[in-house]
Amino acid sequence: MSILNLILAILLPPLGAFLQVGLSKHFIINLILTLCGFLPGVIHAIWLVVKNKKG
């Protein structure tokens, strides 16, 4: 787990998710969650970083 990815997941969830998984379904899900509400996007991005999902 990269500390930079974790910080980006908190401050800019779609960017943190993109750096972790690239342009995949998880990025699209995170983008939609962030647009619906900031907190769900943050939670999803942190989950991606902690679980170390790749693609």
PDB file of N, CA and C in Angstrom:
ATOM      1  N   MET A   1       0.851  -1.175   0.000  1.00  0.00           N
ATOM      2  CA  MET A   1       0.000   0.000   0.000  1.00  0.00           C
ATOM      3  C   MET A   1       0.895   1.235   0.000  1.00  0.00           C
ATOM      4  N   SER A   2       0.705   2.068  -0.968  1.00  0.00           N
ATOM      5  CA  SER A   2       1.476   3.297  -1.077  1.00  0.00           C
ATOM      6  C   SER A   2       0.798   4.399  -0.268  1.00  0.00           C
ATOM      7  N   ILE A   3       1.578   5.108   0.508  1.00  0.00           N
ATOM      8  CA  ILE A   3       1.037   6.196   1.321  1.00  0.00           C
ATOM      9  C   ILE A   3       0.515   7.313   0.418  1.00  0.00           C
ATOM     10  N   LEU A   4       1.161   7.541  -0.721  1.00  0.00           N
ATOM     11  CA  LEU A   4       0.700   8.563  -1.666  1.00  0.00           C
ATOM     12  C   LEU A   4      -0.662   8.185  -2.250  1.00  0.00           C
ATOM     13  N   ASN A   5      -0.847   6.916  -2.606  1.00  0.00           N
ATOM     14  CA  ASN A   5      -2.146   6.468  -3.116  1.00  0.00           C
ATOM     15  C   ASN A   5      -3.231   6.622  -2.062  1.00  0.00           C
ATOM     16  N   LEU A   6      -2.899   6.359  -0.817  1.00  0.00           N
ATOM     17  CA  LEU A   6      -3.879   6.500   0.252  1.00  0.00           C
ATOM     18  C   LEU A   6      -4.276   7.956   0.449  1.00  0.00           C
ATOM     19  N   ILE A   7      -3.315   8.860   0.396  1.00  0.00           N
ATOM     20  CA  ILE A   7      -3.605  10.295   0.532  1.00  0.00           C
ATOM     21  C   ILE A   7      -4.455  10.771  -0.641  1.00  0.00           C
ATOM     22  N   LEU A   8      -4.120  10.352  -1.853  1.00  0.00           N
ATOM     23  CA  LEU A   8      -4.911  10.735  -3.027  1.00  0.00           C
ATOM     24  C   LEU A   8      -6.308  10.134  -2.981  1.00  0.00           C
ATOM     25  N   ALA A   9      -6.436   8.932  -2.415  1.00  0.00           N
ATOM     26  CA  ALA A   9      -7.754   8.313  -2.297  1.00  0.00           C
ATOM     27  C   ALA A   9      -8.650   9.114  -1.362  1.00  0.00           C
ATOM     28  N   ILE A  10      -8.060   9.776  -0.379  1.00  0.00           N
ATOM     29  CA  ILE A  10      -8.840  10.585   0.556  1.00  0.00           C
ATOM     30  C   ILE A  10      -9.156  11.952  -0.041  1.00  0.00           C
ATOM     31  N   LEU A  11      -8.187  12.585  -0.675  1.00  0.00           N
ATOM     32  CA  LEU A  11      -8.380  13.941  -1.188  1.00  0.00           C
ATOM     33  C   LEU A  11      -9.083  13.974  -2.539  1.00  0.00           C
ATOM     34  N   LEU A  12      -8.692  13.110  -3.451  1.00  0.00           N
ATOM     35  CA  LEU A  12      -9.266  13.037  -4.802  1.00  0.00           C
ATOM     36  C   LEU A  12      -9.557  11.572  -5.131  1.00  0.00           C
ATOM     37  N   PRO A  13     -10.697  11.061  -4.682  1.00  0.00           N
ATOM     38  CA  PRO A  13     -10.971   9.625  -4.827  1.00  0.00           C
ATOM     39  C   PRO A  13     -10.844   9.062  -6.248  1.00  0.00           C
ATOM     40  N   PRO A  14     -11.367   9.732  -7.297  1.00  0.00           N
ATOM     41  CA  PRO A  14     -11.204   9.137  -8.629  1.00  0.00           C
ATOM     42  C   PRO A  14      -9.738   9.030  -9.069  1.00  0.00           C
ATOM     43  N   LEU A  15      -8.936   9.999  -8.699  1.00  0.00           N
ATOM     44  CA  LEU A  15      -7.520   9.931  -9.065  1.00  0.00           C
ATOM     45  C   LEU A  15      -6.822   8.794  -8.326  1.00  0.00           C
ATOM     46  N   GLY A  16      -7.119   8.651  -7.043  1.00  0.00           N
ATOM     47  CA  GLY A  16      -6.548   7.544  -6.274  1.00  0.00           C
ATOM     48  C   GLY A  16      -6.956   6.196  -6.835  1.00  0.00           C
ATOM     49  N   ALA A  17      -8.225   6.078  -7.231  1.00  0.00           N
ATOM     50  CA  ALA A  17      -8.707   4.826  -7.819  1.00  0.00           C
ATOM     51  C   ALA A  17      -8.053   4.582  -9.184  1.00  0.00           C
ATOM     52  N   PHE A  18      -7.919   5.637  -9.984  1.00  0.00           N
ATOM     53  CA  PHE A  18      -7.303   5.491 -11.304  1.00  0.00           C
ATOM     54  C   PHE A  18      -5.848   5.034 -11.192  1.00  0.00           C
ATOM     55  N   LEU A  19      -5.107   5.608 -10.267  1.00  0.00           N
ATOM     56  CA  LEU A  19      -3.710   5.216 -10.103  1.00  0.00           C
ATOM     57  C   LEU A  19      -3.579   3.786  -9.593  1.00  0.00           C
ATOM     58  N   GLN A  20      -4.590   3.313  -8.882  1.00  0.00           N
ATOM     59  CA  GLN A  20      -4.536   1.964  -8.348  1.00  0.00           C
ATOM     60  C   GLN A  20      -4.964   0.916  -9.374  1.00  0.00           C
ATOM     61  N   VAL A  21      -6.063   1.156 -10.089  1.00  0.00           N
ATOM     62  CA  VAL A  21      -6.616   0.124 -10.972  1.00  0.00           C
ATOM     63  C   VAL A  21      -6.618   0.502 -12.445  1.00  0.00           C
ATOM     64  N   GLY A  22      -6.279   1.740 -12.765  1.00  0.00           N
ATOM     65  CA  GLY A  22      -6.301   2.157 -14.162  1.00  0.00           C
ATOM     66  C   GLY A  22      -7.719   2.433 -14.615  1.00  0.00           C
ATOM     67  N   LEU A  23      -7.921   2.456 -15.916  1.00  0.00           N
ATOM     68  CA  LEU A  23      -9.237   2.747 -16.484  1.00  0.00           C
ATOM     69  C   LEU A  23     -10.023   1.436 -16.567  1.00  0.00           C
ATOM     70  N   SER A  24     -10.648   1.085 -15.450  1.00  0.00           N
ATOM     71  CA  SER A  24     -11.392  -0.176 -15.374  1.00  0.00           C
ATOM     72  C   SER A  24     -12.771   0.078 -14.790  1.00  0.00           C
ATOM     73  N   LYS A  25     -13.505  -0.999 -14.566  1.00  0.00           N
ATOM     74  CA  LYS A  25     -14.843  -0.854 -14.005  1.00  0.00           C
ATOM     75  C   LYS A  25     -14.801  -0.269 -12.602  1.00  0.00           C
ATOM     76  N   HIS A  26     -13.746  -0.542 -11.843  1.00  0.00           N
ATOM     77  CA  HIS A  26     -13.635   0.017 -10.502  1.00  0.00           C
ATOM     78  C   HIS A  26     -13.462   1.536 -10.542  1.00  0.00           C
ATOM     79  N   PHE A  27     -12.756   2.025 -11.536  1.00  0.00           N
ATOM     80  CA  PHE A  27     -12.606   3.478 -11.686  1.00  0.00           C
ATOM     81  C   PHE A  27     -13.952   4.119 -12.009  1.00  0.00           C
ATOM     82  N   ILE A  28     -14.708   3.521 -12.912  1.00  0.00           N
ATOM     83  CA  ILE A  28     -16.019   4.059 -13.288  1.00  0.00           C
ATOM     84  C   ILE A  28     -16.960   4.041 -12.081  1.00  0.00           C
ATOM     85  N   ILE A  29     -16.946   2.950 -11.325  1.00  0.00           N
ATOM     86  CA  ILE A  29     -17.773   2.862 -10.114  1.00  0.00           C
ATOM     87  C   ILE A  29     -17.386   3.960  -9.138  1.00  0.00           C
ATOM     88  N   ASN A  30     -16.085   4.174  -8.972  1.00  0.00           N
ATOM     89  CA  ASN A  30     -15.634   5.202  -8.043  1.00  0.00           C
ATOM     90  C   ASN A  30     -16.032   6.593  -8.512  1.00  0.00           C
ATOM     91  N   LEU A  31     -15.963   6.839  -9.789  1.00  0.00           N
ATOM     92  CA  LEU A  31     -16.363   8.133 -10.335  1.00  0.00           C
ATOM     93  C   LEU A  31     -17.845   8.397 -10.076  1.00  0.00           C
ATOM     94  N   ILE A  32     -18.677   7.392 -10.301  1.00  0.00           N
ATOM     95  CA  ILE A  32     -20.118   7.541 -10.053  1.00  0.00           C
ATOM     96  C   ILE A  32     -20.385   7.746  -8.566  1.00  0.00           C
ATOM     97  N   LEU A  33     -19.714   6.984  -7.714  1.00  0.00           N
ATOM     98  CA  LEU A  33     -19.911   7.150  -6.272  1.00  0.00           C
ATOM     99  C   LEU A  33     -19.478   8.537  -5.807  1.00  0.00           C
ATOM    100  N   THR A  34     -18.401   9.047  -6.359  1.00  0.00           N
ATOM    101  CA  THR A  34     -17.927  10.376  -5.974  1.00  0.00           C
ATOM    102  C   THR A  34     -18.898  11.454  -6.436  1.00  0.00           C
ATOM    103  N   LEU A  35     -19.485  11.278  -7.606  1.00  0.00           N
ATOM    104  CA  LEU A  35     -20.459  12.251  -8.088  1.00  0.00           C
ATOM    105  C   LEU A  35     -21.751  12.215  -7.272  1.00  0.00           C
ATOM    106  N   CYS A  36     -22.114  11.040  -6.778  1.00  0.00           N
ATOM    107  CA  CYS A  36     -23.322  10.926  -5.951  1.00  0.00           C
ATOM    108  C   CYS A  36     -23.106  11.504  -4.556  1.00  0.00           C
ATOM    109  N   GLY A  37     -21.910  11.377  -4.070  1.00  0.00           N
ATOM    110  CA  GLY A  37     -21.575  11.884  -2.752  1.00  0.00           C
ATOM    111  C   GLY A  37     -20.104  11.659  -2.516  1.00  0.00           C
ATOM    112  N   PHE A  38     -19.441  12.617  -1.935  1.00  0.00           N
ATOM    113  CA  PHE A  38     -17.992  12.536  -1.796  1.00  0.00           C
ATOM    114  C   PHE A  38     -17.561  11.367  -0.909  1.00  0.00           C
ATOM    115  N   LEU A  39     -18.252  11.149   0.201  1.00  0.00           N
ATOM    116  CA  LEU A  39     -17.857  10.119   1.154  1.00  0.00           C
ATOM    117  C   LEU A  39     -17.892   8.705   0.580  1.00  0.00           C
ATOM    118  N   PRO A  40     -18.928   8.310  -0.163  1.00  0.00           N
ATOM    119  CA  PRO A  40     -18.891   6.965  -0.758  1.00  0.00           C
ATOM    120  C   PRO A  40     -17.704   6.770  -1.712  1.00  0.00           C
ATOM    121  N   GLY A  41     -17.343   7.809  -2.452  1.00  0.00           N
ATOM    122  CA  GLY A  41     -16.185   7.721  -3.334  1.00  0.00           C
ATOM    123  C   GLY A  41     -14.892   7.542  -2.560  1.00  0.00           C
ATOM    124  N   VAL A  42     -14.773   8.241  -1.446  1.00  0.00           N
ATOM    125  CA  VAL A  42     -13.579   8.116  -0.606  1.00  0.00           C
ATOM    126  C   VAL A  42     -13.483   6.705  -0.029  1.00  0.00           C
ATOM    127  N   ILE A  43     -14.591   6.197   0.472  1.00  0.00           N
ATOM    128  CA  ILE A  43     -14.591   4.849   1.056  1.00  0.00           C
ATOM    129  C   ILE A  43     -14.218   3.806   0.009  1.00  0.00           C
ATOM    130  N   HIS A  44     -14.765   3.922  -1.177  1.00  0.00           N
ATOM    131  CA  HIS A  44     -14.448   2.967  -2.237  1.00  0.00           C
ATOM    132  C   HIS A  44     -12.985   3.065  -2.663  1.00  0.00           C
ATOM    133  N   ALA A  45     -12.470   4.272  -2.791  1.00  0.00           N
ATOM    134  CA  ALA A  45     -11.066   4.449  -3.196  1.00  0.00           C
ATOM    135  C   ALA A  45     -10.120   3.901  -2.134  1.00  0.00           C
ATOM    136  N   ILE A  46     -10.426   4.143  -0.865  1.00  0.00           N
ATOM    137  CA  ILE A  46      -9.580   3.599   0.207  1.00  0.00           C
ATOM    138  C   ILE A  46      -9.632   2.072   0.183  1.00  0.00           C
ATOM    139  N   TRP A  47     -10.809   1.539  -0.054  1.00  0.00           N
ATOM    140  CA  TRP A  47     -10.945   0.080  -0.141  1.00  0.00           C
ATOM    141  C   TRP A  47     -10.079  -0.485  -1.274  1.00  0.00           C
ATOM    142  N   LEU A  48     -10.076   0.182  -2.417  1.00  0.00           N
ATOM    143  CA  LEU A  48      -9.249  -0.267  -3.540  1.00  0.00           C
ATOM    144  C   LEU A  48      -7.767  -0.250  -3.188  1.00  0.00           C
ATOM    145  N   VAL A  49      -7.335   0.816  -2.509  1.00  0.00           N
ATOM    146  CA  VAL A  49      -5.913   0.940  -2.167  1.00  0.00           C
ATOM    147  C   VAL A  49      -5.522  -0.101  -1.129  1.00  0.00           C
ATOM    148  N   VAL A  50      -6.350  -0.267  -0.110  1.00  0.00           N
ATOM    149  CA  VAL A  50      -6.009  -1.208   0.971  1.00  0.00           C
ATOM    150  C   VAL A  50      -6.039  -2.642   0.472  1.00  0.00           C
ATOM    151  N   LYS A  51      -7.020  -2.977  -0.346  1.00  0.00           N
ATOM    152  CA  LYS A  51      -7.104  -4.336  -0.888  1.00  0.00           C
ATOM    153  C   LYS A  51      -6.098  -4.566  -2.007  1.00  0.00           C
ATOM    154  N   ASN A  52      -5.449  -3.500  -2.478  1.00  0.00           N
ATOM    155  CA  ASN A  52      -4.425  -3.574  -3.523  1.00  0.00           C
ATOM    156  C   ASN A  52      -4.976  -4.212  -4.793  1.00  0.00           C
ATOM    157  N   LYS A  53      -6.169  -3.790  -5.190  1.00  0.00           N
ATOM    158  CA  LYS A  53      -6.780  -4.299  -6.422  1.00  0.00           C
ATOM    159  C   LYS A  53      -6.006  -3.795  -7.633  1.00  0.00           C
ATOM    160  N   LYS A  54      -5.731  -4.678  -8.552  1.00  0.00           N
ATOM    161  CA  LYS A  54      -5.058  -4.312  -9.798  1.00  0.00           C
ATOM    162  C   LYS A  54      -5.922  -4.740 -10.969  1.00  0.00           C
ATOM    163  N   GLY A  55      -6.552  -3.746 -11.629  1.00  0.00           N
ATOM    164  CA  GLY A  55      -7.332  -3.997 -12.828  1.00  0.00           C
ATOM    165  C   GLY A  55      -8.588  -4.747 -12.664  1.00  0.00           C
TER     166      GLY A  55
END
